[in-house]
């Protein structure tokens, strides 16, 4: 997926910072907008899945590329 409204680079950040900072970016976005997040923390896979379930945001896609994790989150 390459269509997104905002991009957040969380590389080098460890739990819980990727989630907390992504939440802050999402708070500035409109409903239906898509946030693209790049992270390097392996724990972020489970964290973003749980975060989206708890907040009602939609985890459209998640993938791994080398040592990076990519997430596309649609704001509720």
C-alpha atoms as a PDB file:
ATOM      1  CA  UNK A   1       0.000   0.000   0.000  1.00  0.00           C
ATOM      2  CA  UNK A   2       1.373   3.400  -0.863  1.00  0.00           C
ATOM      3  CA  UNK A   3      -1.587   5.707  -0.288  1.00  0.00           C
ATOM      4  CA  UNK A   4      -1.469   7.436   3.097  1.00  0.00           C
ATOM      5  CA  UNK A   5      -2.203  10.827   4.640  1.00  0.00           C
ATOM      6  CA  UNK A   6       0.658  11.050   7.167  1.00  0.00           C
ATOM      7  CA  UNK A   7       3.948   9.255   7.755  1.00  0.00           C
ATOM      8  CA  UNK A   8       5.648   8.672  11.096  1.00  0.00           C
ATOM      9  CA  UNK A   9       9.186   7.297  11.339  1.00  0.00           C
ATOM     10  CA  UNK A  10       9.592   5.466  14.643  1.00  0.00           C
ATOM     11  CA  UNK A  11      12.875   3.781  13.754  1.00  0.00           C
ATOM     12  CA  UNK A  12      15.168   3.462  16.743  1.00  0.00           C
ATOM     13  CA  UNK A  13      12.350   3.956  19.250  1.00  0.00           C
ATOM     14  CA  UNK A  14      11.537   1.184  21.712  1.00  0.00           C
ATOM     15  CA  UNK A  15       8.257   0.250  23.349  1.00  0.00           C
ATOM     16  CA  UNK A  16       6.105   2.109  24.233  1.00  0.00           C
ATOM     17  CA  UNK A  17       7.321   5.132  22.225  1.00  0.00           C
ATOM     18  CA  UNK A  18       6.237   3.949  18.730  1.00  0.00           C
ATOM     19  CA  UNK A  19       2.651   3.569  19.983  1.00  0.00           C
ATOM     20  CA  UNK A  20       2.596   6.742  22.069  1.00  0.00           C
ATOM     21  CA  UNK A  21       4.003   8.935  19.322  1.00  0.00           C
ATOM     22  CA  UNK A  22       1.774   7.349  16.667  1.00  0.00           C
ATOM     23  CA  UNK A  23      -1.227   8.013  18.905  1.00  0.00           C
ATOM     24  CA  UNK A  24      -0.197  11.669  19.080  1.00  0.00           C
ATOM     25  CA  UNK A  25       0.041  11.913  15.268  1.00  0.00           C
ATOM     26  CA  UNK A  26      -3.332  10.167  14.871  1.00  0.00           C
ATOM     27  CA  UNK A  27      -4.928  12.715  17.214  1.00  0.00           C
ATOM     28  CA  UNK A  28      -4.172  15.447  14.654  1.00  0.00           C
ATOM     29  CA  UNK A  29      -5.652  13.499  11.736  1.00  0.00           C
ATOM     30  CA  UNK A  30      -9.206  13.291  10.398  1.00  0.00           C
ATOM     31  CA  UNK A  31     -11.390  10.208  10.541  1.00  0.00           C
ATOM     32  CA  UNK A  32     -10.648   7.986   7.544  1.00  0.00           C
ATOM     33  CA  UNK A  33      -7.080   9.273   7.121  1.00  0.00           C
ATOM     34  CA  UNK A  34      -4.287   6.691   6.950  1.00  0.00           C
ATOM     35  CA  UNK A  35      -1.092   6.855   8.985  1.00  0.00           C
ATOM     36  CA  UNK A  36       1.985   5.021   7.679  1.00  0.00           C
ATOM     37  CA  UNK A  37       4.372   4.024  10.478  1.00  0.00           C
ATOM     38  CA  UNK A  38       7.908   2.651  10.128  1.00  0.00           C
ATOM     39  CA  UNK A  39       9.305   0.965  13.252  1.00  0.00           C
ATOM     40  CA  UNK A  40      12.311  -1.167  14.166  1.00  0.00           C
ATOM     41  CA  UNK A  41      11.062  -2.531  17.499  1.00  0.00           C
ATOM     42  CA  UNK A  42      10.025  -6.192  17.016  1.00  0.00           C
ATOM     43  CA  UNK A  43       7.534  -5.802  19.863  1.00  0.00           C
ATOM     44  CA  UNK A  44       5.646  -3.223  17.836  1.00  0.00           C
ATOM     45  CA  UNK A  45       3.929  -5.990  15.829  1.00  0.00           C
ATOM     46  CA  UNK A  46       1.850  -7.095  18.804  1.00  0.00           C
ATOM     47  CA  UNK A  47       1.625  -3.548  20.176  1.00  0.00           C
ATOM     48  CA  UNK A  48       0.078  -1.999  17.057  1.00  0.00           C
ATOM     49  CA  UNK A  49      -2.389  -4.870  16.697  1.00  0.00           C
ATOM     50  CA  UNK A  50      -3.554  -4.417  20.307  1.00  0.00           C
ATOM     51  CA  UNK A  51      -3.539  -0.620  20.023  1.00  0.00           C
ATOM     52  CA  UNK A  52      -5.842  -0.670  17.001  1.00  0.00           C
ATOM     53  CA  UNK A  53      -8.248  -3.138  18.598  1.00  0.00           C
ATOM     54  CA  UNK A  54      -8.441  -1.029  21.761  1.00  0.00           C
ATOM     55  CA  UNK A  55      -8.867   2.324  20.036  1.00  0.00           C
ATOM     56  CA  UNK A  56     -11.159   1.325  17.162  1.00  0.00           C
ATOM     57  CA  UNK A  57      -8.622   2.360  14.541  1.00  0.00           C
ATOM     58  CA  UNK A  58      -8.148  -0.098  11.683  1.00  0.00           C
ATOM     59  CA  UNK A  59      -4.806  -1.803  11.071  1.00  0.00           C
ATOM     60  CA  UNK A  60      -5.147  -1.986   7.292  1.00  0.00           C
ATOM     61  CA  UNK A  61      -1.803  -3.619   6.655  1.00  0.00           C
ATOM     62  CA  UNK A  62       1.354  -4.625   8.483  1.00  0.00           C
ATOM     63  CA  UNK A  63       4.512  -6.037   6.964  1.00  0.00           C
ATOM     64  CA  UNK A  64       8.154  -6.690   7.712  1.00  0.00           C
ATOM     65  CA  UNK A  65      11.018  -5.672   5.471  1.00  0.00           C
ATOM     66  CA  UNK A  66      14.460  -6.559   6.768  1.00  0.00           C
ATOM     67  CA  UNK A  67      14.634  -5.126  10.267  1.00  0.00           C
ATOM     68  CA  UNK A  68      11.780  -2.672   9.678  1.00  0.00           C
ATOM     69  CA  UNK A  69       8.087  -3.057  10.375  1.00  0.00           C
ATOM     70  CA  UNK A  70       5.544  -1.110   8.346  1.00  0.00           C
ATOM     71  CA  UNK A  71       2.000  -0.321   9.492  1.00  0.00           C
ATOM     72  CA  UNK A  72      -0.915   1.369   7.786  1.00  0.00           C
ATOM     73  CA  UNK A  73      -3.486   2.557  10.312  1.00  0.00           C
ATOM     74  CA  UNK A  74      -6.827   4.053   9.296  1.00  0.00           C
ATOM     75  CA  UNK A  75      -8.131   6.499  11.880  1.00  0.00           C
ATOM     76  CA  UNK A  76     -11.581   5.693  13.222  1.00  0.00           C
END
